[in-house]
C-alpha atoms as a PDB file:
ATOM      1  CA  UNK A   1      48.814  62.341 231.433  1.00  0.00           C
ATOM      2  CA  UNK A   2      48.101  64.087 234.917  1.00  0.00           C
ATOM      3  CA  UNK A   3      45.200  66.631 235.367  1.00  0.00           C
ATOM      4  CA  UNK A   4      47.448  69.273 237.005  1.00  0.00           C
ATOM      5  CA  UNK A   5      51.084  70.603 237.225  1.00  0.00           C
ATOM      6  CA  UNK A   6      53.094  68.172 239.430  1.00  0.00           C
ATOM      7  CA  UNK A   7      54.898  70.361 242.209  1.00  0.00           C
ATOM      8  CA  UNK A   8      56.976  68.355 243.678  1.00  0.00           C
ATOM      9  CA  UNK A   9      55.946  68.190 247.319  1.00  0.00           C
ATOM     10  CA  UNK A  10      58.377  65.606 249.117  1.00  0.00           C
ATOM     11  CA  UNK A  11      62.288  66.427 249.758  1.00  0.00           C
ATOM     12  CA  UNK A  12      62.974  63.122 247.444  1.00  0.00           C
ATOM     13  CA  UNK A  13      61.338  64.707 244.215  1.00  0.00           C
ATOM     14  CA  UNK A  14      62.917  67.893 245.063  1.00  0.00           C
ATOM     15  CA  UNK A  15      67.029  66.338 245.178  1.00  0.00           C
ATOM     16  CA  UNK A  16      65.547  64.120 241.762  1.00  0.00           C
ATOM     17  CA  UNK A  17      64.645  67.527 240.474  1.00  0.00           C
ATOM     18  CA  UNK A  18      67.292  68.833 240.873  1.00  0.00           C
ATOM     19  CA  UNK A  19      69.708  66.108 239.545  1.00  0.00           C
ATOM     20  CA  UNK A  20      68.051  66.410 236.065  1.00  0.00           C
ATOM     21  CA  UNK A  21      68.305  70.412 236.118  1.00  0.00           C
ATOM     22  CA  UNK A  22      72.231  69.331 236.342  1.00  0.00           C
ATOM     23  CA  UNK A  23      71.450  67.667 233.074  1.00  0.00           C
ATOM     24  CA  UNK A  24      70.504  70.970 231.534  1.00  0.00           C
ATOM     25  CA  UNK A  25      73.246  72.652 232.707  1.00  0.00           C
ATOM     26  CA  UNK A  26      75.924  70.612 232.102  1.00  0.00           C
ATOM     27  CA  UNK A  27      74.659  70.248 227.598  1.00  0.00           C
ATOM     28  CA  UNK A  28      73.793  74.017 227.900  1.00  0.00           C
ATOM     29  CA  UNK A  29      77.423  74.331 228.288  1.00  0.00           C
ATOM     30  CA  UNK A  30      78.085  73.351 224.919  1.00  0.00           C
ATOM     31  CA  UNK A  31      76.183  75.745 223.327  1.00  0.00           C
ATOM     32  CA  UNK A  32      77.742  78.048 221.367  1.00  0.00           C
ATOM     33  CA  UNK A  33      75.098  80.786 221.664  1.00  0.00           C
ATOM     34  CA  UNK A  34      74.524  83.340 224.384  1.00  0.00           C
ATOM     35  CA  UNK A  35      71.944  82.914 226.798  1.00  0.00           C
ATOM     36  CA  UNK A  36      70.308  86.396 226.256  1.00  0.00           C
ATOM     37  CA  UNK A  37      70.409  84.767 222.021  1.00  0.00           C
ATOM     38  CA  UNK A  38      68.909  81.351 223.188  1.00  0.00           C
ATOM     39  CA  UNK A  39      65.168  80.297 223.488  1.00  0.00           C
ATOM     40  CA  UNK A  40      64.122  77.179 225.219  1.00  0.00           C
ATOM     41  CA  UNK A  41      61.002  75.425 226.107  1.00  0.00           C
ATOM     42  CA  UNK A  42      60.335  72.829 228.865  1.00  0.00           C
ATOM     43  CA  UNK A  43      57.659  70.602 228.181  1.00  0.00           C
ATOM     44  CA  UNK A  44      55.448  69.391 231.196  1.00  0.00           C
ATOM     45  CA  UNK A  45      57.490  72.458 233.350  1.00  0.00           C
ATOM     46  CA  UNK A  46      54.605  72.330 236.389  1.00  0.00           C
ATOM     47  CA  UNK A  47      54.903  76.104 237.999  1.00  0.00           C
ATOM     48  CA  UNK A  48      57.793  77.042 236.237  1.00  0.00           C
ATOM     49  CA  UNK A  49      60.956  75.811 238.393  1.00  0.00           C
ATOM     50  CA  UNK A  50      63.448  75.201 235.567  1.00  0.00           C
ATOM     51  CA  UNK A  51      62.632  77.873 233.522  1.00  0.00           C
ATOM     52  CA  UNK A  52      62.924  80.877 236.674  1.00  0.00           C
ATOM     53  CA  UNK A  53      66.688  79.479 237.141  1.00  0.00           C
ATOM     54  CA  UNK A  54      66.892  79.766 233.269  1.00  0.00           C
ATOM     55  CA  UNK A  55      65.634  83.432 232.971  1.00  0.00           C
ATOM     56  CA  UNK A  56      67.839  84.185 235.512  1.00  0.00           C
ATOM     57  CA  UNK A  57      70.720  83.133 233.995  1.00  0.00           C
ATOM     58  CA  UNK A  58      69.406  85.143 231.165  1.00  0.00           C
ATOM     59  CA  UNK A  59      67.977  82.486 228.872  1.00  0.00           C
ATOM     60  CA  UNK A  60      64.867  83.371 227.382  1.00  0.00           C
ATOM     61  CA  UNK A  61      63.283  80.585 228.868  1.00  0.00           C
ATOM     62  CA  UNK A  62      58.927  80.039 228.823  1.00  0.00           C
ATOM     63  CA  UNK A  63      57.471  76.096 229.784  1.00  0.00           C
ATOM     64  CA  UNK A  64      53.933  74.236 228.211  1.00  0.00           C
ATOM     65  CA  UNK A  65      52.299  72.115 231.302  1.00  0.00           C
ATOM     66  CA  UNK A  66      48.236  71.820 231.465  1.00  0.00           C
ATOM     67  CA  UNK A  67      48.380  74.569 233.835  1.00  0.00           C
ATOM     68  CA  UNK A  68      49.273  78.617 232.762  1.00  0.00           C
ATOM     69  CA  UNK A  69      51.588  80.476 234.672  1.00  0.00           C
ATOM     70  CA  UNK A  70      53.779  82.979 234.567  1.00  0.00           C
ATOM     71  CA  UNK A  71      56.369  82.172 231.565  1.00  0.00           C
ATOM     72  CA  UNK A  72      54.076  78.546 230.719  1.00  0.00           C
ATOM     73  CA  UNK A  73      51.831  78.011 228.622  1.00  0.00           C
ATOM     74  CA  UNK A  74      48.591  76.134 228.644  1.00  0.00           C
ATOM     75  CA  UNK A  75      48.760  72.873 226.249  1.00  0.00           C
ATOM     76  CA  UNK A  76      48.202  69.568 225.666  1.00  0.00           C
ATOM     77  CA  UNK A  77      51.750  67.795 225.086  1.00  0.00           C
ATOM     78  CA  UNK A  78      49.766  64.685 223.703  1.00  0.00           C
ATOM     79  CA  UNK A  79      48.496  67.323 221.232  1.00  0.00           C
ATOM     80  CA  UNK A  80      50.037  70.019 218.208  1.00  0.00           C
ATOM     81  CA  UNK A  81      51.923  72.407 220.231  1.00  0.00           C
ATOM     82  CA  UNK A  82      51.274  76.236 219.870  1.00  0.00           C
ATOM     83  CA  UNK A  83      55.083  76.833 218.742  1.00  0.00           C
ATOM     84  CA  UNK A  84      56.021  78.556 215.540  1.00  0.00           C
ATOM     85  CA  UNK A  85      58.180  75.836 213.029  1.00  0.00           C
ATOM     86  CA  UNK A  86      61.981  76.317 213.731  1.00  0.00           C
ATOM     87  CA  UNK A  87      61.715  78.574 216.269  1.00  0.00           C
ATOM     88  CA  UNK A  88      63.096  76.796 219.141  1.00  0.00           C
ATOM     89  CA  UNK A  89      67.099  76.363 219.864  1.00  0.00           C
ATOM     90  CA  UNK A  90      66.757  74.161 223.558  1.00  0.00           C
ATOM     91  CA  UNK A  91      63.577  71.785 224.449  1.00  0.00           C
ATOM     92  CA  UNK A  92      63.621  70.425 227.700  1.00  0.00           C
ATOM     93  CA  UNK A  93      61.685  67.860 228.620  1.00  0.00           C
ATOM     94  CA  UNK A  94      62.760  66.493 232.646  1.00  0.00           C
ATOM     95  CA  UNK A  95      60.633  63.214 233.451  1.00  0.00           C
ATOM     96  CA  UNK A  96      57.763  64.772 231.263  1.00  0.00           C
ATOM     97  CA  UNK A  97      57.726  62.242 228.533  1.00  0.00           C
ATOM     98  CA  UNK A  98      56.414  58.759 230.609  1.00  0.00           C
ATOM     99  CA  UNK A  99      53.263  60.672 231.319  1.00  0.00           C
ATOM    100  CA  UNK A 100      51.927  61.426 228.014  1.00  0.00           C
ATOM    101  CA  UNK A 101      49.733  59.172 226.685  1.00  0.00           C
ATOM    102  CA  UNK A 102      51.191  59.906 223.275  1.00  0.00           C
ATOM    103  CA  UNK A 103      54.937  60.786 223.512  1.00  0.00           C
ATOM    104  CA  UNK A 104      55.589  59.917 219.492  1.00  0.00           C
ATOM    105  CA  UNK A 105      52.940  63.211 219.322  1.00  0.00           C
ATOM    106  CA  UNK A 106      55.400  65.207 221.866  1.00  0.00           C
ATOM    107  CA  UNK A 107      58.475  64.004 220.538  1.00  0.00           C
ATOM    108  CA  UNK A 108      57.403  64.771 216.681  1.00  0.00           C
ATOM    109  CA  UNK A 109      56.078  68.121 217.920  1.00  0.00           C
ATOM    110  CA  UNK A 110      59.629  69.060 219.812  1.00  0.00           C
ATOM    111  CA  UNK A 111      61.346  68.170 216.297  1.00  0.00           C
ATOM    112  CA  UNK A 112      59.462  69.972 214.148  1.00  0.00           C
ATOM    113  CA  UNK A 113      59.582  73.182 217.383  1.00  0.00           C
ATOM    114  CA  UNK A 114      63.168  72.752 217.074  1.00  0.00           C
ATOM    115  CA  UNK A 115      65.806  74.899 214.927  1.00  0.00           C
ATOM    116  CA  UNK A 116      68.311  73.588 212.633  1.00  0.00           C
ATOM    117  CA  UNK A 117      70.919  72.615 214.786  1.00  0.00           C
ATOM    118  CA  UNK A 118      68.876  72.582 218.055  1.00  0.00           C
ATOM    119  CA  UNK A 119      69.249  70.625 220.904  1.00  0.00           C
ATOM    120  CA  UNK A 120      66.820  68.363 222.968  1.00  0.00           C
ATOM    121  CA  UNK A 121      67.235  67.469 226.551  1.00  0.00           C
ATOM    122  CA  UNK A 122      65.513  64.900 227.976  1.00  0.00           C
ATOM    123  CA  UNK A 123      64.965  62.549 230.792  1.00  0.00           C
ATOM    124  CA  UNK A 124      62.606  60.001 231.688  1.00  0.00           C
ATOM    125  CA  UNK A 125      63.399  57.150 234.055  1.00  0.00           C
ATOM    126  CA  UNK A 126      64.161  53.942 232.746  1.00  0.00           C
ATOM    127  CA  UNK A 127      62.191  50.589 232.849  1.00  0.00           C
ATOM    128  CA  UNK A 128      65.014  49.447 235.575  1.00  0.00           C
ATOM    129  CA  UNK A 129      63.264  52.228 237.755  1.00  0.00           C
ATOM    130  CA  UNK A 130      60.036  50.961 237.790  1.00  0.00           C
ATOM    131  CA  UNK A 131      59.954  48.229 240.792  1.00  0.00           C
ATOM    132  CA  UNK A 132      62.149  51.041 242.594  1.00  0.00           C
ATOM    133  CA  UNK A 133      59.941  54.196 242.187  1.00  0.00           C
ATOM    134  CA  UNK A 134      57.363  51.883 242.652  1.00  0.00           C
ATOM    135  CA  UNK A 135      58.209  50.383 246.207  1.00  0.00           C
ATOM    136  CA  UNK A 136      59.376  54.156 247.360  1.00  0.00           C
ATOM    137  CA  UNK A 137      56.298  55.462 246.831  1.00  0.00           C
ATOM    138  CA  UNK A 138      54.012  53.089 247.897  1.00  0.00           C
ATOM    139  CA  UNK A 139      55.525  51.341 251.140  1.00  0.00           C
ATOM    140  CA  UNK A 140      58.512  53.991 252.093  1.00  0.00           C
ATOM    141  CA  UNK A 141      56.574  57.281 250.761  1.00  0.00           C
ATOM    142  CA  UNK A 142      59.168  59.218 249.833  1.00  0.00           C
ATOM    143  CA  UNK A 143      58.218  60.160 246.267  1.00  0.00           C
ATOM    144  CA  UNK A 144      54.617  61.342 245.402  1.00  0.00           C
ATOM    145  CA  UNK A 145      52.674  58.549 245.309  1.00  0.00           C
ATOM    146  CA  UNK A 146      50.060  59.799 242.266  1.00  0.00           C
ATOM    147  CA  UNK A 147      52.938  60.588 240.176  1.00  0.00           C
ATOM    148  CA  UNK A 148      54.412  57.408 239.715  1.00  0.00           C
ATOM    149  CA  UNK A 149      50.856  55.401 239.437  1.00  0.00           C
ATOM    150  CA  UNK A 150      50.647  58.238 236.301  1.00  0.00           C
ATOM    151  CA  UNK A 151      53.616  56.932 234.591  1.00  0.00           C
ATOM    152  CA  UNK A 152      52.642  55.210 231.068  1.00  0.00           C
ATOM    153  CA  UNK A 153      55.622  54.497 229.295  1.00  0.00           C
ATOM    154  CA  UNK A 154      58.978  53.256 230.633  1.00  0.00           C
ATOM    155  CA  UNK A 155      61.980  53.044 228.321  1.00  0.00           C
ATOM    156  CA  UNK A 156      65.413  51.169 227.675  1.00  0.00           C
ATOM    157  CA  UNK A 157      67.793  52.960 225.666  1.00  0.00           C
ATOM    158  CA  UNK A 158      66.440  50.675 222.711  1.00  0.00           C
ATOM    159  CA  UNK A 159      63.218  51.644 222.680  1.00  0.00           C
ATOM    160  CA  UNK A 160      64.101  55.523 223.387  1.00  0.00           C
ATOM    161  CA  UNK A 161      66.263  55.323 220.698  1.00  0.00           C
ATOM    162  CA  UNK A 162      63.946  53.250 217.869  1.00  0.00           C
ATOM    163  CA  UNK A 163      60.913  56.703 219.046  1.00  0.00           C
ATOM    164  CA  UNK A 164      63.363  59.154 218.928  1.00  0.00           C
ATOM    165  CA  UNK A 165      64.472  57.962 215.181  1.00  0.00           C
ATOM    166  CA  UNK A 166      61.207  57.457 214.311  1.00  0.00           C
ATOM    167  CA  UNK A 167      60.642  61.286 214.579  1.00  0.00           C
ATOM    168  CA  UNK A 168      63.688  62.504 212.934  1.00  0.00           C
ATOM    169  CA  UNK A 169      66.143  62.834 214.826  1.00  0.00           C
ATOM    170  CA  UNK A 170      69.787  61.075 214.312  1.00  0.00           C
ATOM    171  CA  UNK A 171      72.294  62.545 215.995  1.00  0.00           C
ATOM    172  CA  UNK A 172      71.867  61.904 219.910  1.00  0.00           C
ATOM    173  CA  UNK A 173      73.563  61.000 222.511  1.00  0.00           C
ATOM    174  CA  UNK A 174      71.595  59.118 224.818  1.00  0.00           C
ATOM    175  CA  UNK A 175      73.315  57.726 228.664  1.00  0.00           C
ATOM    176  CA  UNK A 176      72.235  56.814 231.609  1.00  0.00           C
ATOM    177  CA  UNK A 177      72.568  58.399 235.559  1.00  0.00           C
ATOM    178  CA  UNK A 178      71.312  57.535 239.000  1.00  0.00           C
ATOM    179  CA  UNK A 179      73.153  54.273 238.539  1.00  0.00           C
ATOM    180  CA  UNK A 180      70.946  53.497 235.304  1.00  0.00           C
ATOM    181  CA  UNK A 181      67.387  54.083 237.014  1.00  0.00           C
ATOM    182  CA  UNK A 182      66.973  57.232 234.645  1.00  0.00           C
ATOM    183  CA  UNK A 183      67.723  58.137 230.873  1.00  0.00           C
ATOM    184  CA  UNK A 184      69.440  60.673 229.780  1.00  0.00           C
ATOM    185  CA  UNK A 185      69.089  62.359 225.973  1.00  0.00           C
ATOM    186  CA  UNK A 186      70.911  65.286 224.139  1.00  0.00           C
ATOM    187  CA  UNK A 187      69.479  65.338 220.608  1.00  0.00           C
ATOM    188  CA  UNK A 188      70.503  67.524 217.827  1.00  0.00           C
ATOM    189  CA  UNK A 189      68.191  68.373 214.593  1.00  0.00           C
END
């Protein structure tokens, strides 16, 4: 796992982050609770860009990352997290799980933290994205090379479904976006 919080520097990284954020906003539209009643934890939140946007919209949003900052708790996502069982309405994990040494531990922790009926919104590059990401990072140098080198896993729909089921998720929708280069999961506990 990277030993620092990721902050997008390149315009393409920022654009890709905005696509991922749009997945969160779309999924939140289907929540039946008011923003101020919805507790959200963002896994691998960096300096908290998504958290800040969600808080401005009235959500009780917090993050977990290696480096603490305002509204971000410091913790290693490969380990047990300092969050109570069944306490979170929505967990977001955007372009994060592929960086973890133990993604199955993180998925189990997400499931444990979520309230019954809570939602997980997760994005990750697909296996098909690997050669493209490496080309645009290493050759074109328009996205952060260190971020791509830090990828430990690339998922297919089948492998991500398997891992979600293994930790307890049975209700989820798994789709692709950006021409199949990214996977998006909206799961319910």
